[in-house]
């Protein structure tokens, strides 16, 4: 009964727990800062990719017709060589 009323009983555990809580709080803040940095880096990468895509999109549209015709020719050649019964 006397130990239950004594304020010094369990003081070491309480102090250790408070220190651990403080360390965990600091670590949480550090992780939140790092998370924010990663988000900013990812957003920057996405914007950069979009800028590159917008920069080269007109060039791809110009060359798009040639690529489609070439692809159709390749598919026809493949069909004739591998499936001649379809073309007779």
N, C-alpha and C. Protein backbone atom coordinates (compact mmCIF):
# COMPACT_ATOMS: atom_id res chain seq x y z
N UNK A 1 0.81 -1.18 0.00
CA UNK A 1 0.00 0.00 0.00
C UNK A 1 0.86 1.26 0.00
N UNK A 2 1.94 1.20 0.75
CA UNK A 2 2.83 2.35 0.87
C UNK A 2 3.49 2.63 -0.49
N UNK A 3 3.81 1.58 -1.27
CA UNK A 3 4.44 1.78 -2.57
C UNK A 3 3.49 2.44 -3.57
N UNK A 4 2.24 2.15 -3.47
CA UNK A 4 1.25 2.74 -4.37
C UNK A 4 1.14 4.24 -4.16
N UNK A 5 1.40 4.71 -2.98
CA UNK A 5 1.31 6.14 -2.69
C UNK A 5 2.63 6.87 -2.90
N UNK A 6 3.72 6.15 -2.97
CA UNK A 6 5.05 6.76 -3.11
C UNK A 6 5.23 7.25 -4.56
N UNK A 7 5.46 8.57 -4.77
CA UNK A 7 5.59 9.11 -6.13
C UNK A 7 6.88 8.69 -6.83
N UNK A 8 7.88 8.25 -6.11
CA UNK A 8 9.14 7.89 -6.75
C UNK A 8 9.11 6.47 -7.33
N UNK A 9 8.13 5.68 -6.98
CA UNK A 9 8.01 4.32 -7.50
C UNK A 9 7.56 4.40 -8.96
N UNK A 10 8.30 3.80 -9.85
CA UNK A 10 7.96 3.81 -11.27
C UNK A 10 8.42 5.05 -11.99
N UNK A 11 9.16 5.90 -11.31
CA UNK A 11 9.60 7.15 -11.92
C UNK A 11 10.60 6.89 -13.05
N UNK A 12 11.46 5.90 -12.89
CA UNK A 12 12.43 5.57 -13.94
C UNK A 12 11.72 5.11 -15.21
N UNK A 13 10.72 4.26 -15.05
CA UNK A 13 9.98 3.79 -16.22
C UNK A 13 9.24 4.93 -16.90
N UNK A 14 8.66 5.81 -16.11
CA UNK A 14 7.93 6.95 -16.66
C UNK A 14 8.87 7.87 -17.43
N UNK A 15 10.03 8.14 -16.86
CA UNK A 15 11.02 8.99 -17.53
C UNK A 15 11.49 8.35 -18.82
N UNK A 16 11.76 7.04 -18.78
CA UNK A 16 12.21 6.34 -19.99
C UNK A 16 11.13 6.36 -21.06
N UNK A 17 9.89 6.19 -20.66
CA UNK A 17 8.78 6.22 -21.62
C UNK A 17 8.62 7.61 -22.23
N UNK A 18 8.78 8.65 -21.42
CA UNK A 18 8.67 10.02 -21.94
C UNK A 18 9.78 10.31 -22.95
N UNK A 19 11.00 9.83 -22.66
CA UNK A 19 12.11 10.02 -23.60
C UNK A 19 11.85 9.27 -24.91
N UNK A 20 11.33 8.07 -24.79
CA UNK A 20 11.03 7.28 -25.98
C UNK A 20 9.93 7.94 -26.81
N UNK A 21 8.92 8.47 -26.16
CA UNK A 21 7.85 9.18 -26.86
C UNK A 21 8.41 10.40 -27.58
N UNK A 22 9.31 11.12 -26.92
CA UNK A 22 9.94 12.28 -27.54
C UNK A 22 10.73 11.87 -28.78
N UNK A 23 11.53 10.79 -28.67
CA UNK A 23 12.30 10.30 -29.82
C UNK A 23 11.37 9.90 -30.96
N UNK A 24 10.30 9.24 -30.63
CA UNK A 24 9.36 8.81 -31.66
C UNK A 24 8.69 10.00 -32.34
N UNK A 25 8.39 11.03 -31.57
CA UNK A 25 7.80 12.25 -32.13
C UNK A 25 8.77 12.93 -33.10
N UNK A 26 10.03 13.02 -32.68
CA UNK A 26 11.04 13.60 -33.57
C UNK A 26 11.18 12.80 -34.86
N UNK A 27 11.18 11.48 -34.74
CA UNK A 27 11.31 10.60 -35.91
C UNK A 27 10.11 10.77 -36.83
N UNK A 28 8.92 10.90 -36.26
CA UNK A 28 7.72 11.11 -37.06
C UNK A 28 7.82 12.41 -37.86
N UNK A 29 8.27 13.47 -37.22
CA UNK A 29 8.44 14.75 -37.91
C UNK A 29 9.46 14.62 -39.04
N UNK A 30 10.54 13.90 -38.78
CA UNK A 30 11.57 13.69 -39.79
C UNK A 30 10.98 12.92 -40.99
N UNK A 31 10.21 11.89 -40.71
CA UNK A 31 9.61 11.10 -41.78
C UNK A 31 8.60 11.92 -42.59
N UNK A 32 7.86 12.78 -41.91
CA UNK A 32 6.90 13.64 -42.61
C UNK A 32 7.62 14.61 -43.54
N UNK A 33 8.74 15.17 -43.07
CA UNK A 33 9.52 16.08 -43.92
C UNK A 33 10.05 15.34 -45.15
N UNK A 34 10.56 14.13 -44.94
CA UNK A 34 11.09 13.34 -46.06
C UNK A 34 9.98 12.97 -47.04
N UNK A 35 8.81 12.65 -46.51
CA UNK A 35 7.68 12.33 -47.37
C UNK A 35 7.32 13.54 -48.23
N UNK A 36 7.31 14.70 -47.64
CA UNK A 36 7.00 15.92 -48.39
C UNK A 36 8.04 16.17 -49.48
N UNK A 37 9.31 15.94 -49.17
CA UNK A 37 10.37 16.08 -50.17
C UNK A 37 10.15 15.13 -51.33
N UNK A 38 9.80 13.89 -51.03
CA UNK A 38 9.56 12.90 -52.08
C UNK A 38 8.37 13.29 -52.95
N UNK A 39 7.34 13.82 -52.33
CA UNK A 39 6.17 14.25 -53.10
C UNK A 39 6.55 15.38 -54.05
N UNK A 40 7.32 16.33 -53.56
CA UNK A 40 7.76 17.45 -54.40
C UNK A 40 8.62 16.94 -55.56
N UNK A 41 9.52 16.00 -55.28
CA UNK A 41 10.37 15.44 -56.34
C UNK A 41 9.54 14.71 -57.39
N UNK A 42 8.55 13.95 -56.94
CA UNK A 42 7.70 13.22 -57.89
C UNK A 42 6.88 14.18 -58.75
N UNK A 43 6.34 15.23 -58.14
CA UNK A 43 5.58 16.21 -58.89
C UNK A 43 6.47 16.90 -59.92
N UNK A 44 7.68 17.22 -59.53
CA UNK A 44 8.63 17.85 -60.44
C UNK A 44 8.93 16.92 -61.62
N UNK A 45 9.10 15.64 -61.35
CA UNK A 45 9.38 14.68 -62.42
C UNK A 45 8.20 14.56 -63.37
N UNK A 46 6.99 14.57 -62.82
CA UNK A 46 5.80 14.48 -63.66
C UNK A 46 5.69 15.72 -64.55
N UNK A 47 5.90 16.88 -63.97
CA UNK A 47 5.82 18.12 -64.76
C UNK A 47 6.89 18.14 -65.85
N UNK A 48 8.07 17.67 -65.52
CA UNK A 48 9.16 17.64 -66.50
C UNK A 48 8.80 16.70 -67.65
N UNK A 49 8.25 15.55 -67.30
CA UNK A 49 7.86 14.58 -68.33
C UNK A 49 6.77 15.16 -69.22
N UNK A 50 5.80 15.85 -68.63
CA UNK A 50 4.74 16.47 -69.42
C UNK A 50 5.30 17.55 -70.35
N UNK A 51 6.26 18.31 -69.84
CA UNK A 51 6.87 19.36 -70.66
C UNK A 51 7.59 18.74 -71.85
N UNK A 52 8.31 17.67 -71.62
CA UNK A 52 9.01 16.99 -72.71
C UNK A 52 8.01 16.43 -73.71
N UNK A 53 6.95 15.84 -73.20
CA UNK A 53 5.93 15.27 -74.07
C UNK A 53 5.29 16.35 -74.93
N UNK A 54 4.95 17.49 -74.32
CA UNK A 54 4.34 18.58 -75.07
C UNK A 54 5.31 19.15 -76.10
N UNK A 55 6.58 19.16 -75.76
CA UNK A 55 7.58 19.70 -76.67
C UNK A 55 7.69 18.86 -77.93
N UNK A 56 7.65 17.53 -77.79
CA UNK A 56 7.87 16.65 -78.93
C UNK A 56 6.58 16.12 -79.55
N UNK A 57 5.43 16.47 -79.00
CA UNK A 57 4.16 15.99 -79.53
C UNK A 57 3.91 16.42 -80.98
N UNK A 58 4.16 17.68 -81.36
CA UNK A 58 3.94 18.06 -82.76
C UNK A 58 4.81 17.26 -83.74
N UNK A 59 6.02 16.95 -83.35
CA UNK A 59 6.90 16.17 -84.23
C UNK A 59 6.35 14.76 -84.41
N UNK A 60 5.80 14.20 -83.35
CA UNK A 60 5.26 12.85 -83.44
C UNK A 60 4.01 12.81 -84.31
N UNK A 61 3.23 13.88 -84.29
CA UNK A 61 2.03 13.93 -85.13
C UNK A 61 2.41 13.99 -86.61
N UNK A 62 3.47 14.72 -86.93
CA UNK A 62 3.91 14.81 -88.32
C UNK A 62 4.38 13.45 -88.83
N UNK A 63 5.12 12.73 -88.00
CA UNK A 63 5.67 11.44 -88.42
C UNK A 63 4.66 10.32 -88.21
N UNK A 64 3.54 10.60 -87.62
CA UNK A 64 2.56 9.57 -87.29
C UNK A 64 2.02 8.84 -88.50
N UNK A 65 1.73 9.55 -89.59
CA UNK A 65 1.19 8.92 -90.79
C UNK A 65 2.15 7.93 -91.40
N UNK A 66 3.42 8.26 -91.44
CA UNK A 66 4.43 7.37 -92.01
C UNK A 66 4.56 6.11 -91.18
N UNK A 67 4.54 6.26 -89.88
CA UNK A 67 4.67 5.09 -89.01
C UNK A 67 3.49 4.15 -89.16
N UNK A 68 2.29 4.69 -89.31
CA UNK A 68 1.10 3.86 -89.47
C UNK A 68 1.16 3.10 -90.79
N UNK A 69 1.57 3.78 -91.86
CA UNK A 69 1.66 3.11 -93.16
C UNK A 69 2.71 2.01 -93.11
N UNK A 70 3.83 2.27 -92.48
CA UNK A 70 4.88 1.27 -92.35
C UNK A 70 4.40 0.07 -91.54
N UNK A 71 3.64 0.34 -90.48
CA UNK A 71 3.12 -0.75 -89.66
C UNK A 71 2.11 -1.60 -90.45
N UNK A 72 1.26 -0.95 -91.23
CA UNK A 72 0.30 -1.69 -92.05
C UNK A 72 1.03 -2.56 -93.07
N UNK A 73 2.05 -2.00 -93.71
CA UNK A 73 2.83 -2.78 -94.69
C UNK A 73 3.50 -3.97 -94.02
N UNK A 74 4.04 -3.78 -92.84
CA UNK A 74 4.68 -4.89 -92.12
C UNK A 74 3.67 -5.97 -91.77
N UNK A 75 2.48 -5.56 -91.34
CA UNK A 75 1.44 -6.54 -91.00
C UNK A 75 0.98 -7.31 -92.25
N UNK A 76 0.85 -6.63 -93.38
CA UNK A 76 0.48 -7.30 -94.62
C UNK A 76 1.54 -8.31 -95.02
N UNK A 77 2.80 -7.90 -94.95
CA UNK A 77 3.91 -8.79 -95.29
C UNK A 77 3.91 -10.02 -94.37
N UNK A 78 3.68 -9.80 -93.10
CA UNK A 78 3.63 -10.90 -92.14
C UNK A 78 2.47 -11.85 -92.47
N UNK A 79 1.31 -11.27 -92.80
CA UNK A 79 0.15 -12.10 -93.10
C UNK A 79 0.38 -12.92 -94.37
N UNK A 80 0.97 -12.35 -95.40
CA UNK A 80 1.20 -13.07 -96.65
C UNK A 80 2.21 -14.19 -96.44
N UNK A 81 3.27 -13.94 -95.69
CA UNK A 81 4.30 -14.97 -95.51
C UNK A 81 3.87 -16.07 -94.54
N UNK A 82 3.12 -15.73 -93.51
CA UNK A 82 2.76 -16.73 -92.49
C UNK A 82 1.38 -17.36 -92.70
N UNK A 83 0.53 -16.70 -93.46
CA UNK A 83 -0.83 -17.20 -93.67
C UNK A 83 -1.20 -17.04 -95.17
N UNK A 84 -0.51 -17.73 -96.04
CA UNK A 84 -0.79 -17.54 -97.50
C UNK A 84 -2.19 -18.00 -97.89
N UNK A 85 -2.78 -18.92 -97.15
CA UNK A 85 -4.11 -19.41 -97.51
C UNK A 85 -5.17 -18.31 -97.38
N UNK A 86 -4.89 -17.28 -96.63
CA UNK A 86 -5.84 -16.17 -96.52
C UNK A 86 -5.81 -15.27 -97.73
N UNK A 87 -4.70 -15.26 -98.46
CA UNK A 87 -4.51 -14.32 -99.58
C UNK A 87 -4.72 -14.98 -100.93
N UNK A 88 -5.11 -16.23 -100.98
CA UNK A 88 -5.28 -16.86 -102.29
C UNK A 88 -6.70 -16.82 -102.77
